[in-house]
């Protein structure tokens, strides 16, 4: 979910698993990018995303790892991530949000 203050700079995301590339997405304010999947029987399901906002980014962010988020997400049936100016938040219930990652500043020469 894009929790940014305006649409001047939408969040861009590219996500993948070991088996599938979910594409590149431009997510405007309040918009969501959703995907569904089945977990592996051997608990190796993992999705990784890259995020960009303005001149900042986050690389190789694990948005789902069956051995980490699997239990909390399965209890609620969903996992939620929200991009905000300070970083990326996680919630398993869409009510309580925890800041998990901060934006990486642009590299200066």
C-alpha atoms as a PDB file:
ATOM      1  CA  UNK A   1       0.000   0.000   0.000  1.00  0.00           C
ATOM      2  CA  UNK A   2       1.205   3.507  -0.788  1.00  0.00           C
ATOM      3  CA  UNK A   3       0.946   5.584   2.382  1.00  0.00           C
ATOM      4  CA  UNK A   4       2.759   8.593   0.921  1.00  0.00           C
ATOM      5  CA  UNK A   5       1.361  12.101   1.428  1.00  0.00           C
ATOM      6  CA  UNK A   6       0.666  12.794  -2.268  1.00  0.00           C
ATOM      7  CA  UNK A   7       0.862  11.405  -5.807  1.00  0.00           C
ATOM      8  CA  UNK A   8       3.691  13.672  -6.953  1.00  0.00           C
ATOM      9  CA  UNK A   9       6.092  10.765  -6.461  1.00  0.00           C
ATOM     10  CA  UNK A  10       4.404   7.352  -6.613  1.00  0.00           C
ATOM     11  CA  UNK A  11       6.095   4.288  -5.165  1.00  0.00           C
ATOM     12  CA  UNK A  12       7.513   1.841  -7.692  1.00  0.00           C
ATOM     13  CA  UNK A  13       7.890  -1.843  -6.861  1.00  0.00           C
ATOM     14  CA  UNK A  14       9.263  -4.947  -8.565  1.00  0.00           C
ATOM     15  CA  UNK A  15       8.682  -8.284  -6.832  1.00  0.00           C
ATOM     16  CA  UNK A  16       9.650 -11.890  -7.428  1.00  0.00           C
ATOM     17  CA  UNK A  17       9.816 -15.326  -5.897  1.00  0.00           C
ATOM     18  CA  UNK A  18      12.208 -18.106  -6.849  1.00  0.00           C
ATOM     19  CA  UNK A  19       9.635 -19.253  -9.409  1.00  0.00           C
ATOM     20  CA  UNK A  20       7.922 -16.127 -10.674  1.00  0.00           C
ATOM     21  CA  UNK A  21       8.506 -12.455 -11.524  1.00  0.00           C
ATOM     22  CA  UNK A  22       5.440 -10.434 -10.500  1.00  0.00           C
ATOM     23  CA  UNK A  23       6.315  -7.456 -12.672  1.00  0.00           C
ATOM     24  CA  UNK A  24       7.039  -3.779 -12.102  1.00  0.00           C
ATOM     25  CA  UNK A  25       4.282  -1.660 -10.587  1.00  0.00           C
ATOM     26  CA  UNK A  26       3.638   2.035 -10.077  1.00  0.00           C
ATOM     27  CA  UNK A  27       1.596   2.471  -6.902  1.00  0.00           C
ATOM     28  CA  UNK A  28      -0.111   5.818  -6.350  1.00  0.00           C
ATOM     29  CA  UNK A  29      -1.303   7.237  -3.022  1.00  0.00           C
ATOM     30  CA  UNK A  30      -3.777   4.881  -1.298  1.00  0.00           C
ATOM     31  CA  UNK A  31      -3.408   2.262  -4.040  1.00  0.00           C
ATOM     32  CA  UNK A  32      -2.383  -1.324  -3.346  1.00  0.00           C
ATOM     33  CA  UNK A  33      -0.421  -3.964  -5.212  1.00  0.00           C
ATOM     34  CA  UNK A  34      -1.769  -7.409  -4.281  1.00  0.00           C
ATOM     35  CA  UNK A  35      -0.735 -10.920  -5.129  1.00  0.00           C
ATOM     36  CA  UNK A  36      -1.760 -14.358  -3.955  1.00  0.00           C
ATOM     37  CA  UNK A  37       0.221 -17.553  -3.662  1.00  0.00           C
ATOM     38  CA  UNK A  38       0.326 -20.930  -1.973  1.00  0.00           C
ATOM     39  CA  UNK A  39       3.113 -21.716   0.436  1.00  0.00           C
ATOM     40  CA  UNK A  40       5.485 -24.589  -0.167  1.00  0.00           C
ATOM     41  CA  UNK A  41       5.071 -27.741   1.884  1.00  0.00           C
ATOM     42  CA  UNK A  42       8.750 -27.543   2.828  1.00  0.00           C
ATOM     43  CA  UNK A  43       8.406 -23.915   4.102  1.00  0.00           C
ATOM     44  CA  UNK A  44      10.658 -22.328   1.496  1.00  0.00           C
ATOM     45  CA  UNK A  45       8.211 -19.831   0.012  1.00  0.00           C
ATOM     46  CA  UNK A  46       9.892 -16.420  -0.255  1.00  0.00           C
ATOM     47  CA  UNK A  47       9.069 -13.172  -2.072  1.00  0.00           C
ATOM     48  CA  UNK A  48      11.563 -10.343  -2.510  1.00  0.00           C
ATOM     49  CA  UNK A  49      10.805  -6.799  -3.691  1.00  0.00           C
ATOM     50  CA  UNK A  50      12.700  -3.705  -4.754  1.00  0.00           C
ATOM     51  CA  UNK A  51      11.093  -0.356  -3.943  1.00  0.00           C
ATOM     52  CA  UNK A  52      11.792   3.134  -5.265  1.00  0.00           C
ATOM     53  CA  UNK A  53      10.411   6.462  -4.068  1.00  0.00           C
ATOM     54  CA  UNK A  54      11.776   9.812  -5.219  1.00  0.00           C
ATOM     55  CA  UNK A  55      15.547   9.303  -5.323  1.00  0.00           C
ATOM     56  CA  UNK A  56      15.523   6.706  -2.521  1.00  0.00           C
ATOM     57  CA  UNK A  57      15.241   2.946  -2.749  1.00  0.00           C
ATOM     58  CA  UNK A  58      15.132  -0.362  -0.872  1.00  0.00           C
ATOM     59  CA  UNK A  59      16.764  -3.397  -2.433  1.00  0.00           C
ATOM     60  CA  UNK A  60      16.243  -7.097  -1.777  1.00  0.00           C
ATOM     61  CA  UNK A  61      13.462  -6.606   0.770  1.00  0.00           C
ATOM     62  CA  UNK A  62      11.958  -9.935   1.818  1.00  0.00           C
ATOM     63  CA  UNK A  63       8.216  -9.255   1.982  1.00  0.00           C
ATOM     64  CA  UNK A  64       7.353 -12.875   2.685  1.00  0.00           C
ATOM     65  CA  UNK A  65       9.477 -15.685   4.053  1.00  0.00           C
ATOM     66  CA  UNK A  66       7.443 -18.691   5.153  1.00  0.00           C
ATOM     67  CA  UNK A  67       9.686 -19.328   8.154  1.00  0.00           C
ATOM     68  CA  UNK A  68       9.336 -15.693   9.375  1.00  0.00           C
ATOM     69  CA  UNK A  69       5.995 -14.170   8.303  1.00  0.00           C
ATOM     70  CA  UNK A  70       4.291 -17.490   7.655  1.00  0.00           C
ATOM     71  CA  UNK A  71       2.780 -17.960  11.101  1.00  0.00           C
ATOM     72  CA  UNK A  72       1.479 -14.404  11.647  1.00  0.00           C
ATOM     73  CA  UNK A  73       0.187 -14.042   8.094  1.00  0.00           C
ATOM     74  CA  UNK A  74      -1.567 -17.406   8.087  1.00  0.00           C
ATOM     75  CA  UNK A  75      -3.448 -16.557  11.290  1.00  0.00           C
ATOM     76  CA  UNK A  76      -5.005 -13.488   9.627  1.00  0.00           C
ATOM     77  CA  UNK A  77      -4.940 -14.808   6.058  1.00  0.00           C
ATOM     78  CA  UNK A  78      -2.959 -11.809   4.777  1.00  0.00           C
ATOM     79  CA  UNK A  79       0.265  -9.857   5.091  1.00  0.00           C
ATOM     80  CA  UNK A  80       0.339  -6.100   4.571  1.00  0.00           C
ATOM     81  CA  UNK A  81       3.175  -3.733   3.717  1.00  0.00           C
ATOM     82  CA  UNK A  82       2.838   0.042   3.598  1.00  0.00           C
ATOM     83  CA  UNK A  83       5.363   2.440   2.090  1.00  0.00           C
ATOM     84  CA  UNK A  84       5.571   5.747   3.947  1.00  0.00           C
ATOM     85  CA  UNK A  85       8.032   8.678   3.904  1.00  0.00           C
ATOM     86  CA  UNK A  86      10.056   7.166   6.752  1.00  0.00           C
ATOM     87  CA  UNK A  87      10.193   3.634   5.340  1.00  0.00           C
ATOM     88  CA  UNK A  88       8.359   0.349   4.913  1.00  0.00           C
ATOM     89  CA  UNK A  89       5.873  -0.868   7.538  1.00  0.00           C
ATOM     90  CA  UNK A  90       4.554  -4.413   8.101  1.00  0.00           C
ATOM     91  CA  UNK A  91       1.206  -5.530   9.541  1.00  0.00           C
ATOM     92  CA  UNK A  92      -0.568  -8.868   9.765  1.00  0.00           C
ATOM     93  CA  UNK A  93      -3.900  -7.275  10.739  1.00  0.00           C
ATOM     94  CA  UNK A  94      -4.005  -3.878   8.909  1.00  0.00           C
ATOM     95  CA  UNK A  95      -4.324  -2.180  12.311  1.00  0.00           C
ATOM     96  CA  UNK A  96      -0.910  -2.385  13.981  1.00  0.00           C
ATOM     97  CA  UNK A  97       2.036  -1.265  11.837  1.00  0.00           C
ATOM     98  CA  UNK A  98       5.730  -1.857  12.602  1.00  0.00           C
ATOM     99  CA  UNK A  99       8.485   0.030  10.779  1.00  0.00           C
ATOM    100  CA  UNK A 100      10.736  -2.686   9.337  1.00  0.00           C
ATOM    101  CA  UNK A 101      12.935  -0.915   6.764  1.00  0.00           C
ATOM    102  CA  UNK A 102      14.177   2.613   6.154  1.00  0.00           C
ATOM    103  CA  UNK A 103      14.706   4.154   2.724  1.00  0.00           C
ATOM    104  CA  UNK A 104      18.301   4.085   1.535  1.00  0.00           C
ATOM    105  CA  UNK A 105      19.449   7.600   0.660  1.00  0.00           C
ATOM    106  CA  UNK A 106      20.766   8.271  -2.841  1.00  0.00           C
ATOM    107  CA  UNK A 107      24.439   7.648  -3.380  1.00  0.00           C
ATOM    108  CA  UNK A 108      26.472  10.838  -3.691  1.00  0.00           C
ATOM    109  CA  UNK A 109      29.685  11.047  -5.724  1.00  0.00           C
END
